[in-house]
C-alpha cells in the first residue's frame, strides 16, 4: 500500500481542474447553444461531484491523519 501525500492529491486535483476547464472552454466556444447546456451539465456532473469532492476529502483525511499519528509521508 502506497501512501499518497496531500501535495500529490493537490496536484491531481489541479490537473483535473485544468483539463476540465480547458475542455469546458473548447466546448463552450465551439458548439451551438443547445449543446452548450449539455456541455456545461456534463462537465459539472463529472468534475464537481466526482473528482473535486473526492480529492478534497482525501486531502482533508490525510491532513487529519498527519495530525493524529504525526508520522511523515514519503
N, C-alpha and C. Protein backbone atom coordinates (compact mmCIF):
# COMPACT_ATOMS: atom_id res chain seq x y z
N UNK A 1 0.84 -1.21 0.00
CA UNK A 1 0.00 0.00 0.00
C UNK A 1 0.87 1.25 0.00
N UNK A 2 0.63 2.12 -0.96
CA UNK A 2 1.45 3.33 -1.09
C UNK A 2 0.69 4.52 -0.52
N UNK A 3 1.35 5.22 0.37
CA UNK A 3 0.75 6.44 0.92
C UNK A 3 0.88 7.58 -0.08
N UNK A 4 -0.18 8.31 -0.26
CA UNK A 4 -0.14 9.46 -1.16
C UNK A 4 -0.28 10.73 -0.34
N UNK A 5 0.66 11.62 -0.52
CA UNK A 5 0.66 12.85 0.29
C UNK A 5 -0.41 13.82 -0.18
N UNK A 6 -0.74 14.75 0.69
CA UNK A 6 -1.75 15.75 0.35
C UNK A 6 -1.28 16.63 -0.80
N UNK A 7 0.04 16.81 -0.90
CA UNK A 7 0.60 17.60 -2.01
C UNK A 7 0.31 16.91 -3.35
N UNK A 8 0.46 15.60 -3.38
CA UNK A 8 0.17 14.84 -4.60
C UNK A 8 -1.31 14.92 -4.97
N UNK A 9 -2.16 14.84 -3.96
CA UNK A 9 -3.59 14.98 -4.21
C UNK A 9 -3.93 16.36 -4.74
N UNK A 10 -3.25 17.37 -4.22
CA UNK A 10 -3.42 18.74 -4.72
C UNK A 10 -3.06 18.82 -6.20
N UNK A 11 -1.97 18.16 -6.57
CA UNK A 11 -1.54 18.14 -7.96
C UNK A 11 -2.57 17.43 -8.84
N UNK A 12 -3.07 16.28 -8.38
CA UNK A 12 -4.12 15.57 -9.12
C UNK A 12 -5.35 16.44 -9.29
N UNK A 13 -5.73 17.06 -8.19
CA UNK A 13 -6.91 17.93 -8.18
C UNK A 13 -6.75 19.06 -9.19
N UNK A 14 -5.60 19.72 -9.18
CA UNK A 14 -5.34 20.82 -10.10
C UNK A 14 -5.30 20.36 -11.55
N UNK A 15 -4.69 19.21 -11.79
CA UNK A 15 -4.63 18.70 -13.16
C UNK A 15 -6.02 18.36 -13.71
N UNK A 16 -6.86 17.78 -12.86
CA UNK A 16 -8.25 17.54 -13.26
C UNK A 16 -8.97 18.85 -13.54
N UNK A 17 -8.78 19.79 -12.62
CA UNK A 17 -9.45 21.08 -12.74
C UNK A 17 -9.06 21.77 -14.04
N UNK A 18 -7.77 21.80 -14.34
CA UNK A 18 -7.27 22.46 -15.55
C UNK A 18 -7.79 21.75 -16.81
N UNK A 19 -7.72 20.43 -16.83
CA UNK A 19 -8.18 19.69 -18.01
C UNK A 19 -9.67 19.89 -18.28
N UNK A 20 -10.48 19.90 -17.21
CA UNK A 20 -11.90 20.13 -17.39
C UNK A 20 -12.20 21.58 -17.78
N UNK A 21 -11.42 22.48 -17.22
CA UNK A 21 -11.56 23.89 -17.54
C UNK A 21 -11.30 24.14 -19.02
N UNK A 22 -10.25 23.53 -19.54
CA UNK A 22 -9.90 23.65 -20.96
C UNK A 22 -10.99 23.03 -21.83
N UNK A 23 -11.42 21.83 -21.49
CA UNK A 23 -12.47 21.17 -22.27
C UNK A 23 -13.78 21.95 -22.22
N UNK A 24 -14.02 22.56 -21.07
CA UNK A 24 -15.21 23.40 -20.92
C UNK A 24 -15.18 24.57 -21.90
N UNK A 25 -14.04 25.25 -21.97
CA UNK A 25 -13.94 26.40 -22.87
C UNK A 25 -13.98 26.01 -24.34
N UNK A 26 -13.35 24.91 -24.67
CA UNK A 26 -13.41 24.42 -26.05
C UNK A 26 -14.86 24.13 -26.42
N UNK A 27 -15.53 23.43 -25.52
CA UNK A 27 -16.95 23.12 -25.67
C UNK A 27 -17.79 24.38 -25.82
N UNK A 28 -17.57 25.28 -24.91
CA UNK A 28 -18.40 26.47 -24.81
C UNK A 28 -18.29 27.37 -26.03
N UNK A 29 -17.08 27.50 -26.56
CA UNK A 29 -16.90 28.44 -27.67
C UNK A 29 -17.02 27.81 -29.06
N UNK A 30 -17.02 26.50 -29.14
CA UNK A 30 -17.11 25.88 -30.47
C UNK A 30 -18.48 25.31 -30.79
N UNK A 31 -19.27 25.01 -29.78
CA UNK A 31 -20.55 24.36 -30.04
C UNK A 31 -21.72 25.33 -29.95
N UNK A 32 -22.84 24.92 -30.54
CA UNK A 32 -24.02 25.77 -30.54
C UNK A 32 -24.70 25.83 -29.17
N UNK A 33 -25.69 26.69 -29.04
CA UNK A 33 -26.32 26.95 -27.75
C UNK A 33 -26.99 25.73 -27.12
N UNK A 34 -27.54 24.87 -27.93
CA UNK A 34 -28.22 23.67 -27.41
C UNK A 34 -27.20 22.74 -26.74
N UNK A 35 -26.07 22.54 -27.41
CA UNK A 35 -25.05 21.65 -26.84
C UNK A 35 -24.26 22.33 -25.72
N UNK A 36 -24.29 23.65 -25.68
CA UNK A 36 -23.62 24.37 -24.59
C UNK A 36 -24.17 23.94 -23.24
N UNK A 37 -25.48 23.89 -23.15
CA UNK A 37 -26.11 23.47 -21.90
C UNK A 37 -25.70 22.05 -21.53
N UNK A 38 -25.73 21.18 -22.52
CA UNK A 38 -25.34 19.78 -22.32
C UNK A 38 -23.90 19.67 -21.84
N UNK A 39 -23.04 20.43 -22.49
CA UNK A 39 -21.62 20.51 -22.15
C UNK A 39 -21.40 20.92 -20.71
N UNK A 40 -22.03 22.01 -20.36
CA UNK A 40 -21.90 22.56 -19.01
C UNK A 40 -22.38 21.54 -17.98
N UNK A 41 -23.52 20.94 -18.26
CA UNK A 41 -24.09 19.95 -17.35
C UNK A 41 -23.17 18.74 -17.18
N UNK A 42 -22.66 18.24 -18.30
CA UNK A 42 -21.77 17.08 -18.27
C UNK A 42 -20.51 17.36 -17.47
N UNK A 43 -19.89 18.48 -17.77
CA UNK A 43 -18.64 18.84 -17.09
C UNK A 43 -18.91 19.08 -15.62
N UNK A 44 -20.01 19.74 -15.33
CA UNK A 44 -20.39 20.00 -13.94
C UNK A 44 -20.58 18.68 -13.18
N UNK A 45 -21.35 17.77 -13.76
CA UNK A 45 -21.60 16.48 -13.12
C UNK A 45 -20.33 15.67 -12.92
N UNK A 46 -19.55 15.56 -13.98
CA UNK A 46 -18.34 14.75 -13.92
C UNK A 46 -17.32 15.35 -12.97
N UNK A 47 -17.06 16.63 -13.17
CA UNK A 47 -15.97 17.24 -12.43
C UNK A 47 -16.33 17.57 -10.99
N UNK A 48 -17.34 18.38 -10.79
CA UNK A 48 -17.65 18.88 -9.45
C UNK A 48 -17.92 17.72 -8.49
N UNK A 49 -18.77 16.80 -8.89
CA UNK A 49 -19.20 15.79 -7.93
C UNK A 49 -18.25 14.61 -7.80
N UNK A 50 -17.62 14.21 -8.88
CA UNK A 50 -16.75 13.04 -8.77
C UNK A 50 -15.35 13.41 -8.31
N UNK A 51 -14.68 14.28 -9.06
CA UNK A 51 -13.26 14.49 -8.81
C UNK A 51 -12.96 15.47 -7.68
N UNK A 52 -13.50 16.66 -7.76
CA UNK A 52 -13.10 17.67 -6.78
C UNK A 52 -13.43 17.25 -5.36
N UNK A 53 -14.63 16.74 -5.14
CA UNK A 53 -15.02 16.34 -3.78
C UNK A 53 -14.18 15.16 -3.31
N UNK A 54 -13.94 14.21 -4.19
CA UNK A 54 -13.10 13.07 -3.85
C UNK A 54 -11.71 13.52 -3.40
N UNK A 55 -11.08 14.38 -4.19
CA UNK A 55 -9.73 14.82 -3.85
C UNK A 55 -9.70 15.72 -2.62
N UNK A 56 -10.70 16.57 -2.47
CA UNK A 56 -10.75 17.42 -1.28
C UNK A 56 -10.92 16.59 -0.01
N UNK A 57 -11.74 15.56 -0.09
CA UNK A 57 -11.91 14.66 1.06
C UNK A 57 -10.60 13.94 1.37
N UNK A 58 -9.93 13.49 0.33
CA UNK A 58 -8.65 12.80 0.52
C UNK A 58 -7.62 13.72 1.18
N UNK A 59 -7.53 14.94 0.68
CA UNK A 59 -6.59 15.92 1.25
C UNK A 59 -6.92 16.15 2.73
N UNK A 60 -8.20 16.30 3.01
CA UNK A 60 -8.64 16.52 4.39
C UNK A 60 -8.30 15.32 5.28
N UNK A 61 -8.56 14.11 4.78
CA UNK A 61 -8.26 12.88 5.52
C UNK A 61 -6.78 12.77 5.84
N UNK A 62 -5.95 13.05 4.86
CA UNK A 62 -4.50 12.96 5.04
C UNK A 62 -4.03 13.97 6.08
N UNK A 63 -4.55 15.17 6.00
CA UNK A 63 -4.17 16.20 6.97
C UNK A 63 -4.59 15.80 8.39
N UNK A 64 -5.77 15.20 8.51
CA UNK A 64 -6.24 14.74 9.81
C UNK A 64 -5.36 13.60 10.34
N UNK A 65 -5.03 12.67 9.45
CA UNK A 65 -4.19 11.53 9.81
C UNK A 65 -2.81 11.99 10.25
N UNK A 66 -2.27 12.96 9.53
CA UNK A 66 -0.95 13.51 9.86
C UNK A 66 -0.94 14.06 11.28
N UNK A 67 -1.98 14.80 11.62
CA UNK A 67 -2.08 15.38 12.96
C UNK A 67 -2.19 14.30 14.03
N UNK A 68 -3.01 13.30 13.74
CA UNK A 68 -3.27 12.24 14.72
C UNK A 68 -2.03 11.38 14.97
N UNK A 69 -1.44 10.87 13.91
CA UNK A 69 -0.32 9.93 14.05
C UNK A 69 1.05 10.61 14.02
N UNK A 70 1.07 11.79 13.48
CA UNK A 70 2.29 12.60 13.32
C UNK A 70 3.47 11.83 12.71
N UNK A 71 3.17 10.99 11.73
CA UNK A 71 4.25 10.34 11.00
C UNK A 71 4.43 10.99 9.63
N UNK A 72 5.62 10.87 9.11
CA UNK A 72 5.96 11.58 7.87
C UNK A 72 5.64 10.71 6.66
N UNK A 73 5.00 11.31 5.68
CA UNK A 73 4.72 10.61 4.43
C UNK A 73 5.94 10.64 3.53
N UNK A 74 6.22 9.56 2.84
CA UNK A 74 7.38 9.56 1.93
C UNK A 74 7.17 10.46 0.72
